[in-house]
Amino acid sequence: MARKQKRLESQKPTPKAENRSLSSIRYNKFLKDNMVLLIILALVIGLGGVFALTSPTQKVGTENLAYGDDVIEMHFFHLTTCPHCVEQIKFHKTLLEEYPNVKIIEHDLSLSENQKIYEEMIKNFPEIDSARVATPTTIIGDRINVGFGTPETSGKVLEEMVEEVQKKIDQNWQEGMIRTIELRASQGEDEER
């Protein structure tokens, strides 16, 4: 009989084990009672992170604008996590105010289809190591610029690249061609009527 009681006493949980068991029960009850709230919270945090990564700053959209015969395409390869890309995006507004005929074609390099476009376009520039992707990379005409420092340095280089293409357009300008600024002005007049 004494052995039986000793065995029963040894099977009783210790006070520490009882506390852990109660904590576990409370935790499970909390999870069960608040599961929907926890899922919603996780979704909100997750979506917030996605939006933070996909829009580092306000981009200047040029895809829906009308362009005349003087359009200058600027291929802009970037990553949403690249701080220099964010600075260049801020500069785009200034560039477009000065050169409204520039059409910015953005290529987010986190997307595989844009990586393929990058690889294809970079072949035209043997001085660039195609095995090493650097952002931002900007291609205007037959020139390339890698990186962005400030509007006063890299911004000026981009403006020079645009001006070089603009000179070629002006040299080959023919009667009957229409400039972007004229096209947009005429469309604005049509919309007002």
C-alpha atoms as a PDB file:
ATOM      1  CA  MET A   1       0.000   0.000   0.000  1.00  0.00           C
ATOM      2  CA  ALA A   2       2.824   2.408   0.780  1.00  0.00           C
ATOM      3  CA  ARG A   3       4.385   1.597  -2.546  1.00  0.00           C
ATOM      4  CA  LYS A   4       1.109   2.332  -4.347  1.00  0.00           C
ATOM      5  CA  GLN A   5       0.815   5.721  -2.643  1.00  0.00           C
ATOM      6  CA  LYS A   6       4.441   6.550  -3.430  1.00  0.00           C
ATOM      7  CA  ARG A   7       3.852   5.644  -7.082  1.00  0.00           C
ATOM      8  CA  LEU A   8       0.705   7.829  -7.179  1.00  0.00           C
ATOM      9  CA  GLU A   9       2.586  10.717  -5.591  1.00  0.00           C
ATOM     10  CA  SER A  10       5.417  10.398  -8.115  1.00  0.00           C
ATOM     11  CA  GLN A  11       2.869  10.570 -10.951  1.00  0.00           C
ATOM     12  CA  LYS A  12       1.358  13.834  -9.660  1.00  0.00           C
ATOM     13  CA  PRO A  13       2.507  16.865 -11.650  1.00  0.00           C
ATOM     14  CA  THR A  14       4.868  19.227  -9.896  1.00  0.00           C
ATOM     15  CA  PRO A  15       3.746  22.841  -9.305  1.00  0.00           C
ATOM     16  CA  LYS A  16       6.019  23.953 -12.183  1.00  0.00           C
ATOM     17  CA  ALA A  17       4.463  21.433 -14.559  1.00  0.00           C
ATOM     18  CA  GLU A  18       0.965  22.531 -13.482  1.00  0.00           C
ATOM     19  CA  ASN A  19       1.853  26.179 -14.237  1.00  0.00           C
ATOM     20  CA  ARG A  20       3.219  25.239 -17.672  1.00  0.00           C
ATOM     21  CA  SER A  21       0.094  23.242 -18.374  1.00  0.00           C
ATOM     22  CA  LEU A  22      -2.148  26.169 -17.345  1.00  0.00           C
ATOM     23  CA  SER A  23      -0.079  28.568 -19.462  1.00  0.00           C
ATOM     24  CA  SER A  24      -0.377  26.253 -22.430  1.00  0.00           C
ATOM     25  CA  ILE A  25      -4.141  26.022 -21.967  1.00  0.00           C
ATOM     26  CA  ARG A  26      -4.457  29.810 -21.695  1.00  0.00           C
ATOM     27  CA  TYR A  27      -2.288  30.312 -24.798  1.00  0.00           C
ATOM     28  CA  ASN A  28      -4.328  27.811 -26.825  1.00  0.00           C
ATOM     29  CA  LYS A  29      -7.561  29.462 -25.674  1.00  0.00           C
ATOM     30  CA  PHE A  30      -6.192  32.909 -26.657  1.00  0.00           C
ATOM     31  CA  LEU A  31      -5.256  31.635 -30.114  1.00  0.00           C
ATOM     32  CA  LYS A  32      -8.630  29.968 -30.569  1.00  0.00           C
ATOM     33  CA  ASP A  33     -10.576  33.047 -29.411  1.00  0.00           C
ATOM     34  CA  ASN A  34      -8.530  35.500 -31.503  1.00  0.00           C
ATOM     35  CA  MET A  35      -7.639  33.472 -34.614  1.00  0.00           C
ATOM     36  CA  VAL A  36      -9.625  35.654 -37.043  1.00  0.00           C
ATOM     37  CA  LEU A  37      -8.130  38.818 -35.573  1.00  0.00           C
ATOM     38  CA  LEU A  38      -4.605  37.381 -35.821  1.00  0.00           C
ATOM     39  CA  ILE A  39      -5.128  36.368 -39.453  1.00  0.00           C
ATOM     40  CA  ILE A  40      -6.419  39.838 -40.356  1.00  0.00           C
ATOM     41  CA  LEU A  41      -3.471  41.438 -38.562  1.00  0.00           C
ATOM     42  CA  ALA A  42      -0.998  39.214 -40.427  1.00  0.00           C
ATOM     43  CA  LEU A  43      -2.626  40.090 -43.765  1.00  0.00           C
ATOM     44  CA  VAL A  44      -2.530  43.821 -43.041  1.00  0.00           C
ATOM     45  CA  ILE A  45       1.142  43.678 -42.052  1.00  0.00           C
ATOM     46  CA  GLY A  46       1.992  41.517 -45.078  1.00  0.00           C
ATOM     47  CA  LEU A  47       0.160  43.731 -47.563  1.00  0.00           C
ATOM     48  CA  GLY A  48       1.667  46.842 -46.019  1.00  0.00           C
ATOM     49  CA  GLY A  49       5.132  45.407 -46.635  1.00  0.00           C
ATOM     50  CA  VAL A  50       4.283  44.573 -50.238  1.00  0.00           C
ATOM     51  CA  PHE A  51       3.002  48.112 -50.897  1.00  0.00           C
ATOM     52  CA  ALA A  52       6.042  49.624 -49.200  1.00  0.00           C
ATOM     53  CA  LEU A  53       8.367  47.623 -51.461  1.00  0.00           C
ATOM     54  CA  THR A  54       6.480  48.220 -54.694  1.00  0.00           C
ATOM     55  CA  SER A  55       6.116  51.986 -54.456  1.00  0.00           C
ATOM     56  CA  PRO A  56       9.228  53.599 -53.015  1.00  0.00           C
ATOM     57  CA  THR A  57       8.147  57.020 -54.203  1.00  0.00           C
ATOM     58  CA  GLN A  58       5.591  58.605 -56.475  1.00  0.00           C
ATOM     59  CA  LYS A  59       6.446  57.560 -60.024  1.00  0.00           C
ATOM     60  CA  VAL A  60       5.828  59.817 -62.983  1.00  0.00           C
ATOM     61  CA  GLY A  61       3.658  57.878 -65.423  1.00  0.00           C
ATOM     62  CA  THR A  62       4.250  58.551 -69.108  1.00  0.00           C
ATOM     63  CA  GLU A  63       2.593  55.466 -70.572  1.00  0.00           C
ATOM     64  CA  ASN A  64      -0.792  57.139 -71.188  1.00  0.00           C
ATOM     65  CA  LEU A  65       0.536  60.365 -72.690  1.00  0.00           C
ATOM     66  CA  ALA A  66       0.406  61.220 -76.382  1.00  0.00           C
ATOM     67  CA  TYR A  67       3.701  61.562 -78.230  1.00  0.00           C
ATOM     68  CA  GLY A  68       4.547  63.215 -81.502  1.00  0.00           C
ATOM     69  CA  ASP A  69       7.244  62.351 -84.001  1.00  0.00           C
ATOM     70  CA  ASP A  70       9.867  63.673 -81.596  1.00  0.00           C
ATOM     71  CA  VAL A  71       9.420  60.991 -78.923  1.00  0.00           C
ATOM     72  CA  ILE A  72      12.605  60.009 -77.073  1.00  0.00           C
ATOM     73  CA  GLU A  73      12.440  56.634 -75.345  1.00  0.00           C
ATOM     74  CA  MET A  74      14.256  56.323 -72.047  1.00  0.00           C
ATOM     75  CA  HIS A  75      14.599  52.769 -70.722  1.00  0.00           C
ATOM     76  CA  PHE A  76      14.887  52.874 -66.942  1.00  0.00           C
ATOM     77  CA  PHE A  77      15.979  49.616 -65.261  1.00  0.00           C
ATOM     78  CA  HIS A  78      15.479  49.685 -61.497  1.00  0.00           C
ATOM     79  CA  LEU A  79      14.675  47.814 -58.305  1.00  0.00           C
ATOM     80  CA  THR A  80      12.121  48.983 -55.756  1.00  0.00           C
ATOM     81  CA  THR A  81      14.655  48.392 -52.974  1.00  0.00           C
ATOM     82  CA  CYS A  82      17.360  50.542 -54.614  1.00  0.00           C
ATOM     83  CA  PRO A  83      17.785  53.961 -52.919  1.00  0.00           C
ATOM     84  CA  HIS A  84      19.572  55.426 -55.963  1.00  0.00           C
ATOM     85  CA  CYS A  85      16.630  54.349 -58.138  1.00  0.00           C
ATOM     86  CA  VAL A  86      14.272  56.200 -55.796  1.00  0.00           C
ATOM     87  CA  GLU A  87      16.367  59.349 -56.207  1.00  0.00           C
ATOM     88  CA  GLN A  88      16.313  59.025 -59.987  1.00  0.00           C
ATOM     89  CA  ILE A  89      12.529  58.531 -59.960  1.00  0.00           C
ATOM     90  CA  LYS A  90      12.241  61.831 -58.086  1.00  0.00           C
ATOM     91  CA  PHE A  91      14.378  63.469 -60.807  1.00  0.00           C
ATOM     92  CA  HIS A  92      12.133  62.163 -63.599  1.00  0.00           C
ATOM     93  CA  LYS A  93       9.539  64.868 -62.858  1.00  0.00           C
ATOM     94  CA  THR A  94      12.152  67.576 -63.437  1.00  0.00           C
ATOM     95  CA  LEU A  95      13.358  65.872 -66.608  1.00  0.00           C
ATOM     96  CA  LEU A  96       9.825  65.627 -68.014  1.00  0.00           C
ATOM     97  CA  GLU A  97       9.102  69.274 -67.271  1.00  0.00           C
ATOM     98  CA  GLU A  98      12.081  70.252 -69.405  1.00  0.00           C
ATOM     99  CA  TYR A  99      11.642  67.520 -72.044  1.00  0.00           C
ATOM    100  CA  PRO A 100       7.953  66.546 -72.350  1.00  0.00           C
ATOM    101  CA  ASN A 101       8.713  64.334 -75.363  1.00  0.00           C
ATOM    102  CA  VAL A 102      10.682  61.859 -73.211  1.00  0.00           C
ATOM    103  CA  LYS A 103       8.814  58.599 -72.748  1.00  0.00           C
ATOM    104  CA  ILE A 104      10.063  56.735 -69.680  1.00  0.00           C
ATOM    105  CA  ILE A 105       9.773  52.983 -70.061  1.00  0.00           C
ATOM    106  CA  GLU A 106      10.253  51.447 -66.636  1.00  0.00           C
ATOM    107  CA  HIS A 107      11.656  47.951 -66.187  1.00  0.00           C
ATOM    108  CA  ASP A 108      11.477  46.564 -62.639  1.00  0.00           C
ATOM    109  CA  LEU A 109      14.349  44.076 -62.530  1.00  0.00           C
ATOM    110  CA  SER A 110      12.691  41.976 -59.851  1.00  0.00           C
ATOM    111  CA  LEU A 111      10.510  40.630 -62.709  1.00  0.00           C
ATOM    112  CA  SER A 112      12.093  37.950 -64.913  1.00  0.00           C
ATOM    113  CA  GLU A 113      10.657  39.374 -68.165  1.00  0.00           C
ATOM    114  CA  ASN A 114      12.414  42.693 -67.444  1.00  0.00           C
ATOM    115  CA  GLN A 115      15.675  40.886 -66.680  1.00  0.00           C
ATOM    116  CA  LYS A 116      15.504  39.387 -70.179  1.00  0.00           C
ATOM    117  CA  ILE A 117      14.939  42.837 -71.711  1.00  0.00           C
ATOM    118  CA  TYR A 118      17.918  44.138 -69.713  1.00  0.00           C
ATOM    119  CA  GLU A 119      20.154  41.308 -70.909  1.00  0.00           C
ATOM    120  CA  GLU A 120      19.116  41.899 -74.513  1.00  0.00           C
ATOM    121  CA  MET A 121      19.578  45.684 -74.433  1.00  0.00           C
ATOM    122  CA  ILE A 122      22.863  45.550 -72.525  1.00  0.00           C
ATOM    123  CA  LYS A 123      24.427  43.545 -75.378  1.00  0.00           C
ATOM    124  CA  ASN A 124      24.676  46.845 -77.286  1.00  0.00           C
ATOM    125  CA  PHE A 125      27.106  48.154 -74.659  1.00  0.00           C
ATOM    126  CA  PRO A 126      30.236  45.955 -74.511  1.00  0.00           C
ATOM    127  CA  GLU A 127      31.769  48.256 -71.878  1.00  0.00           C
ATOM    128  CA  ILE A 128      29.107  47.061 -69.405  1.00  0.00           C
ATOM    129  CA  ASP A 129      29.588  43.706 -67.668  1.00  0.00           C
ATOM    130  CA  SER A 130      26.356  41.913 -68.543  1.00  0.00           C
ATOM    131  CA  ALA A 131      26.916  39.363 -65.769  1.00  0.00           C
ATOM    132  CA  ARG A 132      26.626  42.112 -63.158  1.00  0.00           C
ATOM    133  CA  VAL A 133      23.293  43.929 -62.955  1.00  0.00           C
ATOM    134  CA  ALA A 134      23.584  47.452 -61.571  1.00  0.00           C
ATOM    135  CA  THR A 135      20.681  49.753 -60.779  1.00  0.00           C
ATOM    136  CA  PRO A 136      19.570  52.183 -61.832  1.00  0.00           C
ATOM    137  CA  THR A 137      20.585  51.684 -65.445  1.00  0.00           C
ATOM    138  CA  THR A 138      19.228  54.138 -68.005  1.00  0.00           C
ATOM    139  CA  ILE A 139      19.419  53.782 -71.778  1.00  0.00           C
ATOM    140  CA  ILE A 140      18.604  56.724 -74.030  1.00  0.00           C
ATOM    141  CA  GLY A 141      19.381  56.369 -77.722  1.00  0.00           C
ATOM    142  CA  ASP A 142      22.770  54.728 -78.087  1.00  0.00           C
ATOM    143  CA  ARG A 143      24.031  55.844 -74.671  1.00  0.00           C
ATOM    144  CA  ILE A 144      23.862  54.238 -71.258  1.00  0.00           C
ATOM    145  CA  ASN A 145      24.165  55.589 -67.727  1.00  0.00           C
ATOM    146  CA  VAL A 146      24.620  53.351 -64.703  1.00  0.00           C
ATOM    147  CA  GLY A 147      23.816  54.696 -61.232  1.00  0.00           C
ATOM    148  CA  PHE A 148      22.345  57.955 -59.987  1.00  0.00           C
ATOM    149  CA  GLY A 149      24.021  60.374 -57.603  1.00  0.00           C
ATOM    150  CA  THR A 150      22.303  63.748 -57.576  1.00  0.00           C
ATOM    151  CA  PRO A 151      20.308  65.890 -60.021  1.00  0.00           C
ATOM    152  CA  GLU A 152      23.410  68.081 -60.381  1.00  0.00           C
ATOM    153  CA  THR A 153      25.638  65.171 -61.435  1.00  0.00           C
ATOM    154  CA  SER A 154      23.747  62.169 -62.825  1.00  0.00           C
ATOM    155  CA  GLY A 155      20.729  64.317 -63.648  1.00  0.00           C
ATOM    156  CA  LYS A 156      22.891  66.485 -65.912  1.00  0.00           C
ATOM    157  CA  VAL A 157      24.237  63.363 -67.643  1.00  0.00           C
ATOM    158  CA  LEU A 158      20.677  62.196 -68.362  1.00  0.00           C
ATOM    159  CA  GLU A 159      19.793  65.648 -69.714  1.00  0.00           C
ATOM    160  CA  GLU A 160      22.857  65.536 -72.005  1.00  0.00           C
ATOM    161  CA  MET A 161      21.781  62.112 -73.263  1.00  0.00           C
ATOM    162  CA  VAL A 162      18.292  63.455 -74.049  1.00  0.00           C
ATOM    163  CA  GLU A 163      19.725  66.571 -75.746  1.00  0.00           C
ATOM    164  CA  GLU A 164      21.956  64.417 -77.939  1.00  0.00           C
ATOM    165  CA  VAL A 165      18.946  62.447 -79.229  1.00  0.00           C
ATOM    166  CA  GLN A 166      16.908  65.664 -79.539  1.00  0.00           C
ATOM    167  CA  LYS A 167      19.590  67.179 -81.820  1.00  0.00           C
ATOM    168  CA  LYS A 168      19.386  64.151 -84.128  1.00  0.00           C
ATOM    169  CA  ILE A 169      15.585  64.457 -84.245  1.00  0.00           C
ATOM    170  CA  ASP A 170      15.825  68.188 -85.031  1.00  0.00           C
ATOM    171  CA  GLN A 171      18.403  67.590 -87.795  1.00  0.00           C
ATOM    172  CA  ASN A 172      16.104  65.070 -89.484  1.00  0.00           C
ATOM    173  CA  TRP A 173      12.870  67.025 -88.943  1.00  0.00           C
ATOM    174  CA  GLN A 174      10.576  67.104 -91.968  1.00  0.00           C
ATOM    175  CA  GLU A 175       7.526  69.094 -92.926  1.00  0.00           C
ATOM    176  CA  GLY A 176       4.319  67.479 -91.741  1.00  0.00           C
ATOM    177  CA  MET A 177       5.834  65.969 -88.611  1.00  0.00           C
ATOM    178  CA  ILE A 178       4.270  66.984 -85.331  1.00  0.00           C
ATOM    179  CA  ARG A 179       5.981  67.723 -82.043  1.00  0.00           C
ATOM    180  CA  THR A 180       4.742  66.198 -78.810  1.00  0.00           C
ATOM    181  CA  ILE A 181       3.998  69.568 -77.254  1.00  0.00           C
ATOM    182  CA  GLU A 182       1.869  70.582 -80.284  1.00  0.00           C
ATOM    183  CA  LEU A 183       0.043  67.249 -80.271  1.00  0.00           C
ATOM    184  CA  ARG A 184      -0.826  67.520 -76.602  1.00  0.00           C
ATOM    185  CA  ALA A 185      -1.935  71.136 -77.023  1.00  0.00           C
ATOM    186  CA  SER A 186      -4.260  70.173 -79.892  1.00  0.00           C
ATOM    187  CA  GLN A 187      -5.658  67.263 -77.876  1.00  0.00           C
ATOM    188  CA  GLY A 188      -6.281  69.615 -74.958  1.00  0.00           C
ATOM    189  CA  GLU A 189      -8.201  71.937 -77.288  1.00  0.00           C
ATOM    190  CA  ASP A 190     -10.269  69.008 -78.592  1.00  0.00           C
ATOM    191  CA  GLU A 191     -11.079  67.859 -75.058  1.00  0.00           C
ATOM    192  CA  GLU A 192     -12.218  71.357 -74.066  1.00  0.00           C
ATOM    193  CA  ARG A 193     -14.743  71.529 -76.948  1.00  0.00           C
END
